[in-house]
């Protein structure tokens, strides 16, 4: 039996980023893991009309709804949205937050991403990895006694290094709940993101049920279907012929700075 703390910590830059791997998170909860979403920033820059303090309050309530819906816990570090760097001050806050939760598994962004906050979050996790075990760094927060396994969430960016799908997951059964979790971020997916991407705002439905259907049809809702197509070969290798028919998928890439698990150990941690 593998000795690993059955706690999953998903670390995102913003309040709606952890949902990139909501399917995996839900699956891990089903097999007995506790799940926490940790957000590096407060989301203060994520709106085109509302000032920072107002949107922060809204986004905290959105995260609370997600956590209640999924049965997860969450923590927000309250660092500045859009201005996150891998500074010593930010590293200390991240280090302490990870230690407090003491996860066996961490999932975060890759360091190759369009958003500077995503890249900085990834670098903060990498910079924290070894230091999690060092007592004299942030000495008031007890060090972890076991290095967590660290993974990157999937993306489609190719340069300087494309994502490598070390682990793939059929999330077809979790897809509807994943979308319902994303749906809780109303300020983002029905206000800010359509506006910043230049969508006609009058095409965004006002009715709640219609909004959810619209969201599923957008590229945000179709990401999981895209990953199923991109990783079809890996899905077939894992699930056999059934992999040909999988509609929705997520994937992880192992980070070399975390605990390295054998193929057998990975199957024990992720029996999904």
Protein backbone atom coordinates (compact mmCIF):
# COMPACT_ATOMS: atom_id res chain seq x y z
CA UNK A 1 0.00 0.00 0.00
CA UNK A 2 1.43 3.37 -1.08
CA UNK A 3 2.04 5.80 1.78
CA UNK A 4 0.53 9.05 0.52
CA UNK A 5 -1.67 11.67 2.13
CA UNK A 6 -5.09 11.43 0.46
CA UNK A 7 -5.45 15.16 -0.04
CA UNK A 8 -5.56 16.82 -3.45
CA UNK A 9 -4.63 20.50 -3.72
CA UNK A 10 -5.47 22.22 -7.01
CA UNK A 11 -3.61 25.53 -7.28
CA UNK A 12 -4.91 28.08 -9.77
CA UNK A 13 -3.96 31.67 -10.40
CA UNK A 14 -7.54 32.99 -10.34
CA UNK A 15 -10.85 32.03 -8.71
CA UNK A 16 -12.10 30.20 -11.83
CA UNK A 17 -8.89 28.43 -12.88
CA UNK A 18 -9.10 25.27 -10.76
CA UNK A 19 -12.15 24.17 -12.74
CA UNK A 20 -9.84 23.29 -15.64
CA UNK A 21 -9.47 19.97 -13.80
CA UNK A 22 -12.86 19.82 -12.10
CA UNK A 23 -13.51 16.40 -13.62
CA UNK A 24 -10.34 14.93 -12.10
CA UNK A 25 -11.08 16.69 -8.80
CA UNK A 26 -14.55 15.16 -8.62
CA UNK A 27 -13.16 11.73 -9.46
CA UNK A 28 -10.51 12.01 -6.74
CA UNK A 29 -13.16 12.93 -4.19
CA UNK A 30 -15.13 9.83 -5.18
CA UNK A 31 -12.15 7.57 -4.39
CA UNK A 32 -11.63 9.07 -0.95
CA UNK A 33 -9.43 12.14 -1.43
CA UNK A 34 -10.14 15.42 0.30
CA UNK A 35 -9.99 18.23 -2.27
CA UNK A 36 -9.06 21.87 -1.81
CA UNK A 37 -8.92 24.66 -4.39
CA UNK A 38 -6.19 27.22 -3.69
CA UNK A 39 -6.28 30.50 -5.62
CA UNK A 40 -3.16 32.64 -5.75
CA UNK A 41 -4.93 35.91 -6.55
CA UNK A 42 -8.19 37.57 -5.57
CA UNK A 43 -9.53 38.07 -9.11
CA UNK A 44 -9.71 41.87 -8.72
CA UNK A 45 -8.86 42.58 -12.38
CA UNK A 46 -11.47 40.24 -13.84
CA UNK A 47 -14.13 42.70 -14.97
CA UNK A 48 -14.61 45.53 -17.45
CA UNK A 49 -17.12 47.59 -15.44
CA UNK A 50 -16.90 46.76 -11.74
CA UNK A 51 -14.06 48.15 -9.57
CA UNK A 52 -11.62 45.81 -7.87
CA UNK A 53 -13.19 45.61 -4.41
CA UNK A 54 -16.64 44.91 -5.81
CA UNK A 55 -15.54 42.13 -8.16
CA UNK A 56 -13.41 40.53 -5.42
CA UNK A 57 -16.50 40.21 -3.21
CA UNK A 58 -18.52 38.75 -6.07
CA UNK A 59 -15.82 36.25 -6.98
CA UNK A 60 -15.46 35.09 -3.38
CA UNK A 61 -19.17 34.29 -3.34
CA UNK A 62 -18.83 32.45 -6.66
CA UNK A 63 -16.02 30.32 -5.25
CA UNK A 64 -18.11 29.59 -2.15
CA UNK A 65 -20.92 28.29 -4.37
CA UNK A 66 -18.50 26.07 -6.28
CA UNK A 67 -17.04 24.65 -3.08
CA UNK A 68 -20.49 23.92 -1.66
CA UNK A 69 -21.65 22.31 -4.91
CA UNK A 70 -18.59 20.06 -5.20
CA UNK A 71 -17.97 19.36 -1.52
CA UNK A 72 -14.49 20.89 -1.64
CA UNK A 73 -12.73 23.37 0.62
CA UNK A 74 -10.92 26.44 -0.71
CA UNK A 75 -8.43 29.15 0.17
CA UNK A 76 -7.67 32.45 -1.56
CA UNK A 77 -4.26 34.05 -0.99
CA UNK A 78 -5.53 37.53 -1.94
CA UNK A 79 -2.48 38.45 -4.03
CA UNK A 80 -3.00 41.07 -6.74
CA UNK A 81 -4.69 39.83 -9.90
CA UNK A 82 -2.71 40.67 -13.03
CA UNK A 83 0.42 41.61 -11.11
CA UNK A 84 1.45 38.25 -9.65
CA UNK A 85 5.16 37.46 -9.69
CA UNK A 86 7.24 34.63 -8.26
CA UNK A 87 8.57 36.93 -5.54
CA UNK A 88 9.91 35.86 -2.17
CA UNK A 89 6.87 37.35 -0.45
CA UNK A 90 4.44 35.45 -2.69
CA UNK A 91 6.51 32.29 -2.34
CA UNK A 92 6.28 32.43 1.45
CA UNK A 93 2.49 32.77 1.29
CA UNK A 94 2.21 29.89 -1.16
CA UNK A 95 4.60 27.73 0.84
CA UNK A 96 2.65 28.23 4.05
CA UNK A 97 -0.69 27.52 2.35
CA UNK A 98 0.59 24.25 0.89
CA UNK A 99 2.10 23.18 4.21
CA UNK A 100 -1.11 23.94 6.10
CA UNK A 101 -3.10 21.61 3.86
CA UNK A 102 -0.33 18.99 3.63
CA UNK A 103 -1.43 17.47 0.30
CA UNK A 104 -0.24 14.21 -1.18
CA UNK A 105 -1.02 15.45 -4.71
CA UNK A 106 -0.83 18.94 -6.23
CA UNK A 107 -2.18 20.03 -9.63
CA UNK A 108 -1.31 23.45 -11.06
CA UNK A 109 -0.69 25.38 -14.28
CA UNK A 110 2.22 24.68 -16.58
CA UNK A 111 4.88 27.41 -16.76
CA UNK A 112 4.10 27.82 -20.49
CA UNK A 113 0.85 29.75 -20.70
CA UNK A 114 -0.63 32.90 -22.18
CA UNK A 115 -1.40 34.53 -18.82
CA UNK A 116 1.44 35.93 -16.68
CA UNK A 117 -0.45 35.02 -13.50
CA UNK A 118 -0.71 31.39 -14.65
CA UNK A 119 3.02 31.29 -15.36
CA UNK A 120 3.86 32.93 -12.04
CA UNK A 121 1.63 30.49 -10.13
CA UNK A 122 3.38 27.56 -11.78
CA UNK A 123 6.79 28.99 -10.91
CA UNK A 124 5.72 29.60 -7.32
CA UNK A 125 4.69 25.96 -6.94
CA UNK A 126 7.97 24.80 -8.49
CA UNK A 127 9.98 27.13 -6.24
CA UNK A 128 8.10 25.88 -3.18
CA UNK A 129 8.49 22.18 -3.95
CA UNK A 130 11.82 21.43 -2.27
CA UNK A 131 11.34 24.13 0.37
CA UNK A 132 8.18 22.43 1.64
CA UNK A 133 10.53 20.09 3.52
CA UNK A 134 12.96 22.71 4.86
CA UNK A 135 12.16 23.68 8.49
CA UNK A 136 14.14 26.93 8.53
CA UNK A 137 12.11 28.39 5.65
CA UNK A 138 8.90 29.89 7.09
CA UNK A 139 9.73 28.26 10.44
CA UNK A 140 6.39 29.14 12.06
CA UNK A 141 4.59 26.76 9.68
CA UNK A 142 5.70 23.15 10.28
CA UNK A 143 7.43 21.56 7.27
CA UNK A 144 5.90 18.70 5.37
CA UNK A 145 7.49 15.33 6.00
CA UNK A 146 6.71 13.93 2.57
CA UNK A 147 7.10 15.55 -0.84
CA UNK A 148 3.77 15.73 -2.69
CA UNK A 149 3.43 14.44 -6.23
CA UNK A 150 3.00 17.47 -8.51
CA UNK A 151 1.19 17.54 -11.85
CA UNK A 152 0.41 20.12 -14.51
CA UNK A 153 -3.11 20.53 -15.87
CA UNK A 154 -3.68 20.17 -19.60
CA UNK A 155 -3.47 23.01 -22.12
CA UNK A 156 -2.96 23.44 -25.86
CA UNK A 157 0.08 25.73 -25.91
CA UNK A 158 2.93 24.42 -28.06
CA UNK A 159 5.93 26.69 -27.44
CA UNK A 160 8.46 26.45 -25.98
CA UNK A 161 7.22 23.04 -24.88
CA UNK A 162 3.94 21.25 -25.59
CA UNK A 163 1.88 19.53 -22.89
CA UNK A 164 2.66 15.83 -22.43
CA UNK A 165 -0.39 13.74 -21.42
CA UNK A 166 1.16 11.36 -18.88
CA UNK A 167 -2.26 10.60 -17.40
CA UNK A 168 -5.62 10.82 -19.15
CA UNK A 169 -9.08 10.59 -17.64
CA UNK A 170 -12.56 9.96 -18.99
CA UNK A 171 -14.67 12.69 -17.34
CA UNK A 172 -17.86 12.05 -19.33
CA UNK A 173 -19.75 11.21 -16.12
CA UNK A 174 -18.41 14.34 -14.42
CA UNK A 175 -18.87 16.74 -17.33
CA UNK A 176 -22.30 18.08 -16.39
CA UNK A 177 -21.25 18.81 -12.82
CA UNK A 178 -18.02 20.38 -14.06
CA UNK A 179 -20.04 22.73 -16.25
CA UNK A 180 -22.37 23.51 -13.35
CA UNK A 181 -19.30 24.45 -11.30
CA UNK A 182 -18.03 26.72 -14.07
CA UNK A 183 -21.55 28.16 -14.36
CA UNK A 184 -21.22 29.52 -10.81
CA UNK A 185 -18.60 31.99 -12.06
CA UNK A 186 -21.30 34.22 -13.55
CA UNK A 187 -19.19 37.38 -13.51
CA UNK A 188 -16.58 35.67 -15.65
CA UNK A 189 -18.30 33.49 -18.21
CA UNK A 190 -21.32 35.71 -18.87
CA UNK A 191 -19.78 39.15 -18.39
CA UNK A 192 -15.99 39.58 -18.34
CA UNK A 193 -14.73 36.83 -20.66
CA UNK A 194 -17.29 37.43 -23.45
CA UNK A 195 -16.48 41.14 -23.30
CA UNK A 196 -12.68 40.78 -23.32
CA UNK A 197 -12.87 38.25 -26.18
CA UNK A 198 -15.00 40.60 -28.27
CA UNK A 199 -18.19 38.54 -28.30
CA UNK A 200 -21.47 40.37 -28.96
CA UNK A 201 -22.79 40.84 -25.44
CA UNK A 202 -26.41 40.72 -26.58
CA UNK A 203 -25.85 37.07 -27.53
CA UNK A 204 -25.22 36.10 -23.90
CA UNK A 205 -28.51 34.76 -22.47
CA UNK A 206 -30.00 36.32 -19.36
CA UNK A 207 -32.00 33.27 -18.28
CA UNK A 208 -30.05 30.96 -15.97
CA UNK A 209 -30.93 27.69 -17.72
CA UNK A 210 -30.31 29.20 -21.14
CA UNK A 211 -26.94 30.48 -19.95
CA UNK A 212 -25.79 27.01 -18.97
CA UNK A 213 -26.74 25.63 -22.37
CA UNK A 214 -24.97 28.52 -24.08
CA UNK A 215 -21.86 27.96 -21.94
CA UNK A 216 -21.68 24.29 -22.92
CA UNK A 217 -21.70 25.30 -26.59
CA UNK A 218 -18.87 27.84 -26.26
CA UNK A 219 -15.18 27.00 -26.56
CA UNK A 220 -15.02 27.05 -22.74
CA UNK A 221 -17.63 24.32 -22.60
CA UNK A 222 -16.06 22.35 -25.43
CA UNK A 223 -12.52 22.19 -24.01
CA UNK A 224 -13.12 18.77 -22.48
CA UNK A 225 -14.36 17.48 -25.84
CA UNK A 226 -11.26 18.90 -27.53
CA UNK A 227 -9.00 17.10 -25.05
CA UNK A 228 -10.82 13.83 -25.75
CA UNK A 229 -9.96 14.27 -29.44
CA UNK A 230 -6.37 15.36 -28.83
CA UNK A 231 -5.63 12.46 -26.48
CA UNK A 232 -7.66 9.79 -28.26
CA UNK A 233 -4.68 7.47 -28.57
CA UNK A 234 -3.86 7.72 -24.88
CA UNK A 235 -7.53 7.15 -23.97
CA UNK A 236 -7.64 3.99 -26.10
CA UNK A 237 -4.41 2.77 -24.49
CA UNK A 238 -5.99 3.21 -21.06
CA UNK A 239 -9.61 2.23 -21.64
CA UNK A 240 -9.34 -0.09 -24.63
CA UNK A 241 -11.94 0.13 -27.40
CA UNK A 242 -14.21 2.16 -25.11
CA UNK A 243 -11.66 4.95 -25.41
CA UNK A 244 -12.83 5.54 -28.98
CA UNK A 245 -16.21 6.73 -27.71
CA UNK A 246 -15.14 8.90 -24.79
CA UNK A 247 -16.64 12.37 -25.24
CA UNK A 248 -14.95 14.40 -22.53
CA UNK A 249 -11.47 14.11 -21.07
CA UNK A 250 -8.85 15.80 -18.92
CA UNK A 251 -5.14 15.05 -18.63
CA UNK A 252 -2.13 15.62 -16.39
CA UNK A 253 1.61 15.93 -16.95
CA UNK A 254 3.97 14.87 -14.15
CA UNK A 255 6.25 17.60 -12.78
CA UNK A 256 9.81 16.44 -12.16
CA UNK A 257 10.13 18.59 -9.03
CA UNK A 258 7.52 16.64 -7.06
CA UNK A 259 7.46 13.11 -5.72
CA UNK A 260 8.07 10.67 -8.55
CA UNK A 261 5.58 7.80 -8.68
CA UNK A 262 6.01 4.52 -10.51
CA UNK A 263 3.42 3.28 -12.99
CA UNK A 264 1.99 1.01 -10.30
CA UNK A 265 1.90 3.83 -7.76
CA UNK A 266 0.17 6.14 -10.23
CA UNK A 267 -2.51 3.50 -10.75
CA UNK A 268 -2.97 3.33 -6.98
CA UNK A 269 -3.24 7.11 -6.55
CA UNK A 270 -5.48 7.56 -9.62
CA UNK A 271 -7.69 4.43 -9.81
CA UNK A 272 -9.96 6.24 -12.24
